[in-house]
Amino acid sequence: MSTFSRPRRAFWGDLRFLIGIALVGLSITGVWLIVSSADSATPVLQADRTIVQGETITAADFRVVDVSLGALTDDYLQPQDLESGQVAARTIEKGELVPQTATGTAGDSRSTTLVIESSITIPEGVDTGTVIEVWQAPLLEDGRAHDAPRILVSDAIVSEVIDSEGMLSASRSTIEIVIDRAAVADVLAAISGDAALSVVPVGAGS
């Protein structure tokens, strides 16, 4: 009497089955991670323009973006964190996600803005947010010439370059700058004393 044994399933067939199960599992895990990541995204504020130090900030200065920051989420400004009277504690670049440390209150700010007239044309590339030096050439006692230039403020920030009009616009420019309050008296004294002022971008080899 003959006996027939059931043919064994090939090892390769079992292996392909296990690989298939593993791939399905990986696919499911990947989808779950994507969904979990989307669910964990937090709305934070992104600067819609360059905001200079000391400038008052409002909701109109930002856009809300959803990002996944993990444990760093609380370090960035969220829409509900905006309060009346907040100012930029430093220059915030356009497109930057805004850290909590980049904002403060007007009472804490040690800076203010002044408008000065540069005796020379503003260098190309100087714009809102540019860090500059302000140089002065004091008027001599005879009132007919100026002394050698010297640094008046070493770390001012450009708030706005104001377009000049008229005959002198080709050689002079008006600019609004952000300076430390401690430097205000010196700048006003230079202006009232008819010193020739000029601005130089920091790092320009001055």
N, C-alpha and C. Protein backbone atom coordinates (compact mmCIF):
# COMPACT_ATOMS: atom_id res chain seq x y z
N MET A 1 0.86 -1.20 0.00
CA MET A 1 0.00 0.00 0.00
C MET A 1 0.88 1.23 0.00
N SER A 2 0.62 2.10 -0.94
CA SER A 2 1.44 3.30 -1.05
C SER A 2 0.90 4.42 -0.17
N THR A 3 1.82 5.21 0.42
CA THR A 3 1.41 6.38 1.23
C THR A 3 1.91 7.64 0.56
N PHE A 4 1.05 8.65 0.64
CA PHE A 4 1.42 9.95 0.04
C PHE A 4 1.59 11.00 1.14
N SER A 5 2.71 11.64 1.15
CA SER A 5 2.95 12.71 2.15
C SER A 5 2.59 14.07 1.55
N ARG A 6 2.04 14.91 2.39
CA ARG A 6 1.67 16.26 1.92
C ARG A 6 2.93 17.04 1.58
N PRO A 7 2.99 17.64 0.39
CA PRO A 7 4.19 18.41 0.01
C PRO A 7 4.38 19.62 0.92
N ARG A 8 5.59 19.81 1.34
CA ARG A 8 5.90 20.94 2.21
C ARG A 8 5.92 22.25 1.41
N ARG A 9 5.44 23.32 2.06
CA ARG A 9 5.49 24.63 1.42
C ARG A 9 6.94 25.10 1.38
N ALA A 10 7.34 25.58 0.28
CA ALA A 10 8.72 26.01 0.12
C ALA A 10 9.04 27.15 1.09
N PHE A 11 10.26 27.12 1.59
CA PHE A 11 10.71 28.15 2.52
C PHE A 11 10.60 29.55 1.90
N TRP A 12 10.92 29.67 0.60
CA TRP A 12 10.86 30.97 -0.08
C TRP A 12 9.44 31.54 -0.09
N GLY A 13 8.44 30.64 -0.20
CA GLY A 13 7.05 31.10 -0.17
C GLY A 13 6.71 31.68 1.19
N ASP A 14 7.16 31.04 2.25
CA ASP A 14 6.93 31.57 3.61
C ASP A 14 7.62 32.91 3.79
N LEU A 15 8.83 33.02 3.25
CA LEU A 15 9.60 34.25 3.41
C LEU A 15 8.91 35.43 2.72
N ARG A 16 8.39 35.20 1.51
CA ARG A 16 7.69 36.28 0.80
C ARG A 16 6.45 36.72 1.56
N PHE A 17 5.79 35.75 2.17
CA PHE A 17 4.60 36.07 2.95
C PHE A 17 4.96 36.98 4.13
N LEU A 18 6.05 36.63 4.83
CA LEU A 18 6.47 37.43 5.98
C LEU A 18 6.91 38.83 5.57
N ILE A 19 7.63 38.90 4.41
CA ILE A 19 8.04 40.22 3.91
C ILE A 19 6.84 41.08 3.58
N GLY A 20 5.82 40.46 3.00
CA GLY A 20 4.59 41.20 2.67
C GLY A 20 3.93 41.76 3.92
N ILE A 21 3.86 40.91 4.96
CA ILE A 21 3.27 41.37 6.23
C ILE A 21 4.07 42.55 6.79
N ALA A 22 5.41 42.45 6.72
CA ALA A 22 6.25 43.51 7.25
C ALA A 22 6.05 44.82 6.50
N LEU A 23 5.93 44.74 5.17
CA LEU A 23 5.72 45.95 4.37
C LEU A 23 4.39 46.61 4.68
N VAL A 24 3.38 45.80 4.87
CA VAL A 24 2.06 46.35 5.24
C VAL A 24 2.16 47.07 6.58
N GLY A 25 2.88 46.42 7.52
CA GLY A 25 3.05 47.05 8.84
C GLY A 25 3.79 48.37 8.76
N LEU A 26 4.84 48.40 7.94
CA LEU A 26 5.60 49.65 7.78
C LEU A 26 4.75 50.74 7.14
N SER A 27 3.93 50.37 6.18
CA SER A 27 3.06 51.34 5.52
C SER A 27 2.08 51.94 6.51
N ILE A 28 1.49 51.08 7.32
CA ILE A 28 0.52 51.57 8.33
C ILE A 28 1.22 52.49 9.32
N THR A 29 2.42 52.10 9.76
CA THR A 29 3.16 52.92 10.71
C THR A 29 3.51 54.28 10.12
N GLY A 30 3.91 54.30 8.83
CA GLY A 30 4.24 55.55 8.17
C GLY A 30 3.06 56.50 8.11
N VAL A 31 1.90 55.97 7.75
CA VAL A 31 0.69 56.79 7.69
C VAL A 31 0.37 57.34 9.07
N TRP A 32 0.51 56.50 10.08
CA TRP A 32 0.20 56.93 11.45
C TRP A 32 1.13 58.06 11.89
N LEU A 33 2.43 57.94 11.54
CA LEU A 33 3.38 58.98 11.91
C LEU A 33 3.08 60.30 11.22
N ILE A 34 2.68 60.23 9.95
CA ILE A 34 2.33 61.45 9.21
C ILE A 34 1.12 62.13 9.84
N VAL A 35 0.11 61.35 10.14
CA VAL A 35 -1.10 61.90 10.75
C VAL A 35 -0.79 62.47 12.13
N SER A 36 0.04 61.75 12.90
CA SER A 36 0.39 62.22 14.24
C SER A 36 1.17 63.51 14.17
N SER A 37 2.08 63.61 13.17
CA SER A 37 2.87 64.83 13.01
C SER A 37 1.98 66.00 12.65
N ALA A 38 1.02 65.79 11.78
CA ALA A 38 0.09 66.87 11.39
C ALA A 38 -0.74 67.30 12.58
N ASP A 39 -1.15 66.32 13.41
CA ASP A 39 -1.97 66.64 14.57
C ASP A 39 -1.19 67.42 15.61
N SER A 40 0.15 67.26 15.65
CA SER A 40 0.96 67.90 16.68
C SER A 40 1.46 69.29 16.24
N ALA A 41 1.16 69.70 15.01
CA ALA A 41 1.57 71.02 14.53
C ALA A 41 0.90 72.11 15.36
N THR A 42 1.67 73.16 15.65
CA THR A 42 1.19 74.25 16.49
C THR A 42 1.21 75.56 15.71
N PRO A 43 0.15 76.37 15.79
CA PRO A 43 0.17 77.67 15.11
C PRO A 43 1.10 78.64 15.83
N VAL A 44 2.10 79.17 15.12
CA VAL A 44 3.01 80.17 15.68
C VAL A 44 3.07 81.35 14.72
N LEU A 45 3.67 82.44 15.17
CA LEU A 45 3.71 83.66 14.37
C LEU A 45 5.02 83.75 13.57
N GLN A 46 4.88 84.15 12.32
CA GLN A 46 6.01 84.36 11.42
C GLN A 46 5.97 85.81 10.95
N ALA A 47 7.10 86.49 11.04
CA ALA A 47 7.15 87.91 10.66
C ALA A 47 6.85 88.11 9.19
N ASP A 48 5.93 89.02 8.90
CA ASP A 48 5.53 89.30 7.52
C ASP A 48 6.38 90.41 6.92
N ARG A 49 7.22 91.03 7.74
CA ARG A 49 8.11 92.10 7.29
C ARG A 49 9.24 92.20 8.31
N THR A 50 10.28 92.94 7.98
CA THR A 50 11.35 93.16 8.95
C THR A 50 10.88 94.16 10.00
N ILE A 51 11.00 93.77 11.26
CA ILE A 51 10.57 94.61 12.38
C ILE A 51 11.81 94.99 13.17
N VAL A 52 12.04 96.27 13.35
CA VAL A 52 13.27 96.70 14.03
C VAL A 52 13.08 96.78 15.53
N GLN A 53 14.19 96.74 16.22
CA GLN A 53 14.20 96.79 17.68
C GLN A 53 13.46 98.04 18.18
N GLY A 54 12.61 97.83 19.19
CA GLY A 54 11.87 98.93 19.79
C GLY A 54 10.55 99.26 19.11
N GLU A 55 10.30 98.66 17.95
CA GLU A 55 9.07 98.96 17.21
C GLU A 55 7.89 98.21 17.82
N THR A 56 6.76 98.91 17.95
CA THR A 56 5.54 98.27 18.46
C THR A 56 5.05 97.23 17.46
N ILE A 57 4.64 96.07 17.97
CA ILE A 57 4.19 94.99 17.09
C ILE A 57 2.69 94.77 17.27
N THR A 58 2.03 94.40 16.17
CA THR A 58 0.61 94.07 16.18
C THR A 58 0.39 92.82 15.35
N ALA A 59 -0.82 92.31 15.38
CA ALA A 59 -1.15 91.10 14.62
C ALA A 59 -0.93 91.29 13.13
N ALA A 60 -1.05 92.53 12.64
CA ALA A 60 -0.88 92.80 11.21
C ALA A 60 0.56 92.59 10.74
N ASP A 61 1.50 92.49 11.68
CA ASP A 61 2.91 92.31 11.32
C ASP A 61 3.28 90.85 11.07
N PHE A 62 2.32 89.94 11.32
CA PHE A 62 2.65 88.51 11.27
C PHE A 62 1.64 87.73 10.46
N ARG A 63 2.06 86.53 10.09
CA ARG A 63 1.15 85.52 9.56
C ARG A 63 1.22 84.31 10.48
N VAL A 64 0.15 83.54 10.52
CA VAL A 64 0.12 82.35 11.36
C VAL A 64 0.49 81.14 10.51
N VAL A 65 1.48 80.37 10.98
CA VAL A 65 1.90 79.16 10.27
C VAL A 65 1.85 77.98 11.25
N ASP A 66 1.50 76.81 10.74
CA ASP A 66 1.46 75.60 11.55
C ASP A 66 2.78 74.85 11.39
N VAL A 67 3.49 74.68 12.49
CA VAL A 67 4.78 73.99 12.47
C VAL A 67 4.86 73.00 13.62
N SER A 68 5.68 71.98 13.44
CA SER A 68 5.92 70.99 14.50
C SER A 68 7.26 71.31 15.15
N LEU A 69 7.20 71.84 16.36
CA LEU A 69 8.41 72.24 17.06
C LEU A 69 8.73 71.36 18.25
N GLY A 70 7.86 70.41 18.53
CA GLY A 70 8.11 69.49 19.63
C GLY A 70 8.23 70.23 20.95
N ALA A 71 9.31 69.94 21.68
CA ALA A 71 9.52 70.52 23.00
C ALA A 71 9.79 72.02 22.94
N LEU A 72 10.10 72.55 21.75
CA LEU A 72 10.42 73.97 21.61
C LEU A 72 9.18 74.84 21.36
N THR A 73 8.02 74.23 21.29
CA THR A 73 6.79 74.97 20.95
C THR A 73 6.60 76.19 21.83
N ASP A 74 6.78 76.04 23.13
CA ASP A 74 6.52 77.15 24.06
C ASP A 74 7.55 78.26 23.96
N ASP A 75 8.64 78.04 23.20
CA ASP A 75 9.67 79.06 23.05
C ASP A 75 9.32 80.08 21.97
N TYR A 76 8.24 79.84 21.23
CA TYR A 76 7.88 80.71 20.10
C TYR A 76 6.53 81.38 20.33
N LEU A 77 6.39 82.55 19.75
CA LEU A 77 5.20 83.36 19.95
C LEU A 77 4.02 82.76 19.20
N GLN A 78 2.93 82.55 19.91
CA GLN A 78 1.70 82.03 19.33
C GLN A 78 0.67 83.16 19.27
N PRO A 79 -0.36 83.02 18.44
CA PRO A 79 -1.32 84.12 18.27
C PRO A 79 -1.89 84.65 19.58
N GLN A 80 -2.16 83.76 20.52
CA GLN A 80 -2.75 84.19 21.79
C GLN A 80 -1.75 84.91 22.71
N ASP A 81 -0.47 84.89 22.33
CA ASP A 81 0.55 85.54 23.16
C ASP A 81 0.68 87.03 22.88
N LEU A 82 0.10 87.50 21.77
CA LEU A 82 0.21 88.92 21.43
C LEU A 82 -0.59 89.77 22.42
N GLU A 83 0.05 90.81 22.92
CA GLU A 83 -0.61 91.72 23.85
C GLU A 83 -0.39 93.16 23.42
N SER A 84 -1.28 94.03 23.83
CA SER A 84 -1.15 95.44 23.51
C SER A 84 0.11 96.01 24.15
N GLY A 85 0.85 96.81 23.41
CA GLY A 85 2.03 97.45 23.96
C GLY A 85 3.31 96.66 23.81
N GLN A 86 3.26 95.49 23.18
CA GLN A 86 4.48 94.71 22.98
C GLN A 86 5.36 95.38 21.92
N VAL A 87 6.67 95.27 22.12
CA VAL A 87 7.62 95.82 21.15
C VAL A 87 8.65 94.74 20.82
N ALA A 88 9.36 94.96 19.73
CA ALA A 88 10.43 94.04 19.34
C ALA A 88 11.64 94.31 20.22
N ALA A 89 12.15 93.27 20.89
CA ALA A 89 13.31 93.41 21.75
C ALA A 89 14.61 93.39 20.94
N ARG A 90 14.51 92.95 19.71
CA ARG A 90 15.63 92.94 18.76
C ARG A 90 15.03 92.99 17.36
N THR A 91 15.87 93.14 16.36
CA THR A 91 15.36 93.13 14.99
C THR A 91 14.87 91.73 14.63
N ILE A 92 13.65 91.64 14.12
CA ILE A 92 13.05 90.38 13.69
C ILE A 92 13.00 90.40 12.17
N GLU A 93 13.70 89.47 11.55
CA GLU A 93 13.78 89.46 10.09
C GLU A 93 12.49 88.94 9.46
N LYS A 94 12.19 89.45 8.27
CA LYS A 94 11.02 88.97 7.53
C LYS A 94 11.13 87.46 7.29
N GLY A 95 10.05 86.73 7.58
CA GLY A 95 10.04 85.29 7.38
C GLY A 95 10.49 84.50 8.59
N GLU A 96 10.97 85.18 9.63
CA GLU A 96 11.47 84.49 10.82
C GLU A 96 10.32 84.06 11.73
N LEU A 97 10.39 82.83 12.27
CA LEU A 97 9.49 82.43 13.34
C LEU A 97 9.91 83.20 14.58
N VAL A 98 8.94 83.77 15.29
CA VAL A 98 9.26 84.75 16.33
C VAL A 98 9.45 84.08 17.69
N PRO A 99 10.66 84.09 18.23
CA PRO A 99 10.88 83.56 19.57
C PRO A 99 10.25 84.47 20.62
N GLN A 100 9.86 83.90 21.74
CA GLN A 100 9.32 84.70 22.83
C GLN A 100 10.32 85.76 23.28
N THR A 101 11.61 85.41 23.23
CA THR A 101 12.64 86.34 23.70
C THR A 101 12.84 87.54 22.79
N ALA A 102 12.23 87.52 21.60
CA ALA A 102 12.39 88.61 20.65
C ALA A 102 11.39 89.74 20.89
N THR A 103 10.53 89.58 21.89
CA THR A 103 9.53 90.60 22.18
C THR A 103 9.64 91.03 23.65
N GLY A 104 9.13 92.21 23.93
CA GLY A 104 9.12 92.73 25.29
C GLY A 104 8.06 93.81 25.41
N THR A 105 8.11 94.56 26.46
CA THR A 105 7.16 95.65 26.67
C THR A 105 7.85 96.98 26.42
N ALA A 106 7.04 97.99 26.11
CA ALA A 106 7.60 99.32 25.83
C ALA A 106 8.36 99.85 27.04
N GLY A 107 7.89 99.52 28.23
CA GLY A 107 8.55 100.00 29.44
C GLY A 107 9.94 99.42 29.63
N ASP A 108 10.14 98.23 29.11
CA ASP A 108 11.45 97.58 29.24
C ASP A 108 12.43 98.01 28.15
N SER A 109 11.93 98.63 27.10
CA SER A 109 12.79 98.98 25.97
C SER A 109 13.74 100.11 26.33
N ARG A 110 15.01 99.94 25.97
CA ARG A 110 16.02 100.96 26.23
C ARG A 110 16.37 101.73 24.96
N SER A 111 15.59 101.52 23.91
CA SER A 111 15.90 102.17 22.63
C SER A 111 14.80 103.14 22.24
N THR A 112 15.14 104.02 21.31
CA THR A 112 14.16 104.97 20.76
C THR A 112 14.59 105.29 19.33
N THR A 113 13.76 106.03 18.62
CA THR A 113 14.08 106.37 17.23
C THR A 113 14.33 107.86 17.08
N LEU A 114 15.24 108.17 16.17
CA LEU A 114 15.53 109.56 15.81
C LEU A 114 15.67 109.64 14.30
N VAL A 115 15.33 110.80 13.76
CA VAL A 115 15.52 111.05 12.33
C VAL A 115 16.74 111.94 12.17
N ILE A 116 17.68 111.49 11.34
CA ILE A 116 18.88 112.29 11.08
C ILE A 116 19.03 112.49 9.58
N GLU A 117 19.80 113.51 9.22
CA GLU A 117 20.09 113.76 7.81
C GLU A 117 21.56 113.44 7.57
N SER A 118 21.81 112.51 6.67
CA SER A 118 23.17 112.16 6.32
C SER A 118 23.70 113.16 5.31
N SER A 119 24.94 113.60 5.53
CA SER A 119 25.54 114.58 4.63
C SER A 119 26.01 113.95 3.33
N ILE A 120 26.01 112.62 3.28
CA ILE A 120 26.36 111.91 2.05
C ILE A 120 25.24 110.94 1.72
N THR A 121 25.22 110.46 0.49
CA THR A 121 24.19 109.52 0.07
C THR A 121 24.30 108.24 0.87
N ILE A 122 23.15 107.68 1.28
CA ILE A 122 23.13 106.43 2.03
C ILE A 122 23.73 105.33 1.16
N PRO A 123 24.68 104.55 1.69
CA PRO A 123 25.29 103.48 0.89
C PRO A 123 24.25 102.48 0.39
N GLU A 124 24.51 101.94 -0.79
CA GLU A 124 23.62 100.94 -1.37
C GLU A 124 23.53 99.72 -0.47
N GLY A 125 22.35 99.18 -0.31
CA GLY A 125 22.16 98.00 0.52
C GLY A 125 21.71 98.32 1.93
N VAL A 126 21.79 99.58 2.33
CA VAL A 126 21.31 99.98 3.66
C VAL A 126 19.80 100.10 3.61
N ASP A 127 19.14 99.32 4.45
CA ASP A 127 17.67 99.29 4.43
C ASP A 127 17.19 98.98 5.84
N THR A 128 15.88 98.84 5.99
CA THR A 128 15.30 98.53 7.29
C THR A 128 15.98 97.30 7.91
N GLY A 129 16.44 97.47 9.15
CA GLY A 129 17.08 96.37 9.86
C GLY A 129 18.59 96.34 9.76
N THR A 130 19.18 97.15 8.87
CA THR A 130 20.63 97.17 8.71
C THR A 130 21.28 97.80 9.95
N VAL A 131 22.33 97.16 10.46
CA VAL A 131 23.08 97.72 11.58
C VAL A 131 24.13 98.67 11.02
N ILE A 132 24.18 99.86 11.56
CA ILE A 132 25.07 100.90 11.03
C ILE A 132 25.85 101.60 12.14
N GLU A 133 26.91 102.30 11.73
CA GLU A 133 27.60 103.27 12.58
C GLU A 133 27.18 104.65 12.11
N VAL A 134 27.01 105.55 13.06
CA VAL A 134 26.75 106.95 12.73
C VAL A 134 28.01 107.73 13.03
N TRP A 135 28.55 108.40 12.01
CA TRP A 135 29.76 109.20 12.16
C TRP A 135 29.39 110.68 12.16
N GLN A 136 30.19 111.46 12.88
CA GLN A 136 30.00 112.91 12.88
C GLN A 136 31.32 113.61 12.58
N ALA A 137 31.20 114.73 11.87
CA ALA A 137 32.33 115.63 11.66
C ALA A 137 31.91 116.97 12.27
N PRO A 138 32.34 117.27 13.50
CA PRO A 138 31.90 118.49 14.19
C PRO A 138 32.28 119.76 13.43
N LEU A 139 31.42 120.74 13.54
CA LEU A 139 31.69 122.04 12.90
C LEU A 139 32.78 122.76 13.70
N LEU A 140 33.79 123.25 13.01
CA LEU A 140 34.86 123.99 13.68
C LEU A 140 34.36 125.35 14.18
N GLU A 141 35.14 125.95 15.07
CA GLU A 141 34.72 127.20 15.71
C GLU A 141 34.52 128.33 14.70
N ASP A 142 35.26 128.30 13.60
CA ASP A 142 35.10 129.38 12.63
C ASP A 142 33.81 129.24 11.83
N GLY A 143 33.16 128.08 11.96
CA GLY A 143 31.89 127.87 11.29
C GLY A 143 31.97 127.68 9.80
N ARG A 144 33.18 127.54 9.28
CA ARG A 144 33.33 127.43 7.83
C ARG A 144 33.79 126.05 7.36
N ALA A 145 34.19 125.20 8.29
CA ALA A 145 34.67 123.86 7.93
C ALA A 145 34.36 122.89 9.06
N HIS A 146 34.53 121.61 8.75
CA HIS A 146 34.26 120.57 9.74
C HIS A 146 35.54 119.86 10.15
N ASP A 147 35.54 119.39 11.35
CA ASP A 147 36.67 118.63 11.89
C ASP A 147 36.69 117.22 11.28
N ALA A 148 37.71 116.44 11.62
CA ALA A 148 37.82 115.07 11.11
C ALA A 148 36.66 114.22 11.63
N PRO A 149 36.12 113.33 10.80
CA PRO A 149 35.00 112.48 11.23
C PRO A 149 35.40 111.53 12.36
N ARG A 150 34.44 111.23 13.21
CA ARG A 150 34.63 110.28 14.31
C ARG A 150 33.31 109.56 14.56
N ILE A 151 33.37 108.40 15.16
CA ILE A 151 32.14 107.64 15.42
C ILE A 151 31.33 108.31 16.52
N LEU A 152 30.04 108.50 16.23
CA LEU A 152 29.10 109.06 17.20
C LEU A 152 28.30 107.96 17.87
N VAL A 153 27.76 107.03 17.05
CA VAL A 153 27.02 105.87 17.56
C VAL A 153 27.55 104.64 16.82
N SER A 154 27.94 103.63 17.57
CA SER A 154 28.59 102.48 16.93
C SER A 154 27.64 101.34 16.57
N ASP A 155 26.42 101.40 17.08
CA ASP A 155 25.51 100.26 16.83
C ASP A 155 24.07 100.70 16.69
N ALA A 156 23.80 101.57 15.75
CA ALA A 156 22.42 101.97 15.46
C ALA A 156 21.79 100.98 14.48
N ILE A 157 20.48 101.01 14.40
CA ILE A 157 19.74 100.14 13.48
C ILE A 157 18.84 101.01 12.61
N VAL A 158 18.82 100.73 11.32
CA VAL A 158 17.98 101.50 10.41
C VAL A 158 16.52 101.11 10.60
N SER A 159 15.69 102.10 10.89
CA SER A 159 14.25 101.87 10.97
C SER A 159 13.60 102.13 9.62
N GLU A 160 14.04 103.20 8.95
CA GLU A 160 13.48 103.54 7.63
C GLU A 160 14.42 104.49 6.90
N VAL A 161 14.61 104.25 5.63
CA VAL A 161 15.31 105.19 4.78
C VAL A 161 14.24 106.04 4.11
N ILE A 162 14.26 107.33 4.39
CA ILE A 162 13.22 108.24 3.91
C ILE A 162 13.69 108.88 2.61
N ASP A 163 12.88 108.74 1.57
CA ASP A 163 13.23 109.32 0.27
C ASP A 163 13.32 110.84 0.38
N SER A 164 14.44 111.35 -0.05
CA SER A 164 14.64 112.81 -0.03
C SER A 164 14.18 113.41 -1.35
N GLU A 165 13.71 114.61 -1.30
CA GLU A 165 13.27 115.31 -2.49
C GLU A 165 13.93 116.69 -2.53
N GLY A 166 14.08 117.20 -3.71
CA GLY A 166 14.64 118.54 -3.84
C GLY A 166 16.04 118.53 -4.40
N MET A 167 16.68 119.70 -4.42
CA MET A 167 17.96 119.87 -5.07
C MET A 167 19.08 119.11 -4.36
N LEU A 168 18.97 118.92 -3.05
CA LEU A 168 20.05 118.30 -2.30
C LEU A 168 19.90 116.79 -2.20
N SER A 169 18.85 116.24 -2.79
CA SER A 169 18.58 114.81 -2.62
C SER A 169 19.68 113.92 -3.17
N ALA A 170 20.42 114.43 -4.15
CA ALA A 170 21.48 113.62 -4.75
C ALA A 170 22.66 113.44 -3.81
N SER A 171 22.85 114.38 -2.87
CA SER A 171 24.02 114.31 -1.99
C SER A 171 23.65 114.08 -0.52
N ARG A 172 22.39 114.25 -0.17
CA ARG A 172 21.97 114.08 1.22
C ARG A 172 20.79 113.11 1.29
N SER A 173 20.69 112.41 2.43
CA SER A 173 19.59 111.47 2.62
C SER A 173 19.09 111.57 4.05
N THR A 174 17.80 111.38 4.22
CA THR A 174 17.20 111.38 5.55
C THR A 174 16.91 109.95 5.96
N ILE A 175 17.23 109.61 7.20
CA ILE A 175 17.12 108.24 7.66
C ILE A 175 16.62 108.22 9.10
N GLU A 176 15.72 107.29 9.41
CA GLU A 176 15.26 107.10 10.78
C GLU A 176 16.03 105.94 11.38
N ILE A 177 16.61 106.16 12.55
CA ILE A 177 17.43 105.13 13.17
C ILE A 177 16.93 104.78 14.57
N VAL A 178 17.26 103.58 14.99
CA VAL A 178 16.97 103.12 16.35
C VAL A 178 18.28 103.16 17.13
N ILE A 179 18.30 103.88 18.25
CA ILE A 179 19.51 103.97 19.07
C ILE A 179 19.16 103.77 20.54
N ASP A 180 20.17 103.47 21.32
CA ASP A 180 20.00 103.37 22.77
C ASP A 180 19.67 104.76 23.32
N ARG A 181 18.78 104.80 24.29
CA ARG A 181 18.38 106.08 24.86
C ARG A 181 19.58 106.86 25.43
N ALA A 182 20.60 106.13 25.86
CA ALA A 182 21.77 106.80 26.43
C ALA A 182 22.53 107.63 25.39
N ALA A 183 22.32 107.32 24.10
CA ALA A 183 23.03 108.04 23.04
C ALA A 183 22.24 109.22 22.49
N VAL A 184 21.01 109.40 22.93
CA VAL A 184 20.14 110.43 22.36
C VAL A 184 20.73 111.82 22.53
N ALA A 185 21.21 112.12 23.73
CA ALA A 185 21.73 113.47 24.00
C ALA A 185 22.90 113.80 23.08
N ASP A 186 23.80 112.84 22.85
CA ASP A 186 24.96 113.09 21.99
C ASP A 186 24.53 113.34 20.54
N VAL A 187 23.54 112.57 20.07
CA VAL A 187 23.08 112.74 18.69
C VAL A 187 22.38 114.10 18.53
N LEU A 188 21.55 114.46 19.49
CA LEU A 188 20.86 115.75 19.40
C LEU A 188 21.85 116.91 19.48
N ALA A 189 22.88 116.74 20.29
CA ALA A 189 23.91 117.79 20.38
C ALA A 189 24.64 117.95 19.06
N ALA A 190 24.92 116.81 18.40
CA ALA A 190 25.60 116.87 17.10
C ALA A 190 24.72 117.56 16.06
N ILE A 191 23.43 117.24 16.09
CA ILE A 191 22.50 117.86 15.13
C ILE A 191 22.40 119.36 15.36
N SER A 192 22.20 119.75 16.63
CA SER A 192 22.05 121.18 16.93
C SER A 192 23.35 121.94 16.71
N GLY A 193 24.48 121.23 16.77
CA GLY A 193 25.77 121.88 16.54
C GLY A 193 26.19 121.88 15.09
N ASP A 194 25.27 121.49 14.19
CA ASP A 194 25.53 121.49 12.74
C ASP A 194 26.69 120.58 12.33
N ALA A 195 26.88 119.48 13.09
CA ALA A 195 27.89 118.50 12.68
C ALA A 195 27.42 117.81 11.41
N ALA A 196 28.37 117.42 10.56
CA ALA A 196 28.02 116.66 9.36
C ALA A 196 27.94 115.19 9.76
N LEU A 197 26.76 114.60 9.56
CA LEU A 197 26.54 113.21 9.94
C LEU A 197 26.58 112.31 8.72
N SER A 198 27.02 111.09 8.91
CA SER A 198 27.01 110.10 7.82
C SER A 198 26.86 108.73 8.44
N VAL A 199 26.37 107.79 7.64
CA VAL A 199 26.15 106.43 8.15
C VAL A 199 26.99 105.44 7.35
N VAL A 200 27.48 104.44 8.06
CA VAL A 200 28.31 103.40 7.45
C VAL A 200 27.81 102.05 7.93
N PRO A 201 27.51 101.13 7.02
CA PRO A 201 27.07 99.79 7.44
C PRO A 201 28.16 99.11 8.27
N VAL A 202 27.80 98.46 9.35
CA VAL A 202 28.76 97.73 10.16
C VAL A 202 29.32 96.58 9.33
N GLY A 203 30.64 96.43 9.34
CA GLY A 203 31.27 95.39 8.54
C GLY A 203 31.67 95.86 7.17
N ALA A 204 31.53 97.16 6.90
CA ALA A 204 31.87 97.70 5.58
C ALA A 204 33.31 98.19 5.51
N GLY A 205 34.08 97.81 6.54
CA GLY A 205 35.49 98.21 6.52
C GLY A 205 35.74 99.59 7.06
N SER A 206 34.83 100.04 7.90
CA SER A 206 34.99 101.38 8.47
C SER A 206 36.05 101.37 9.55
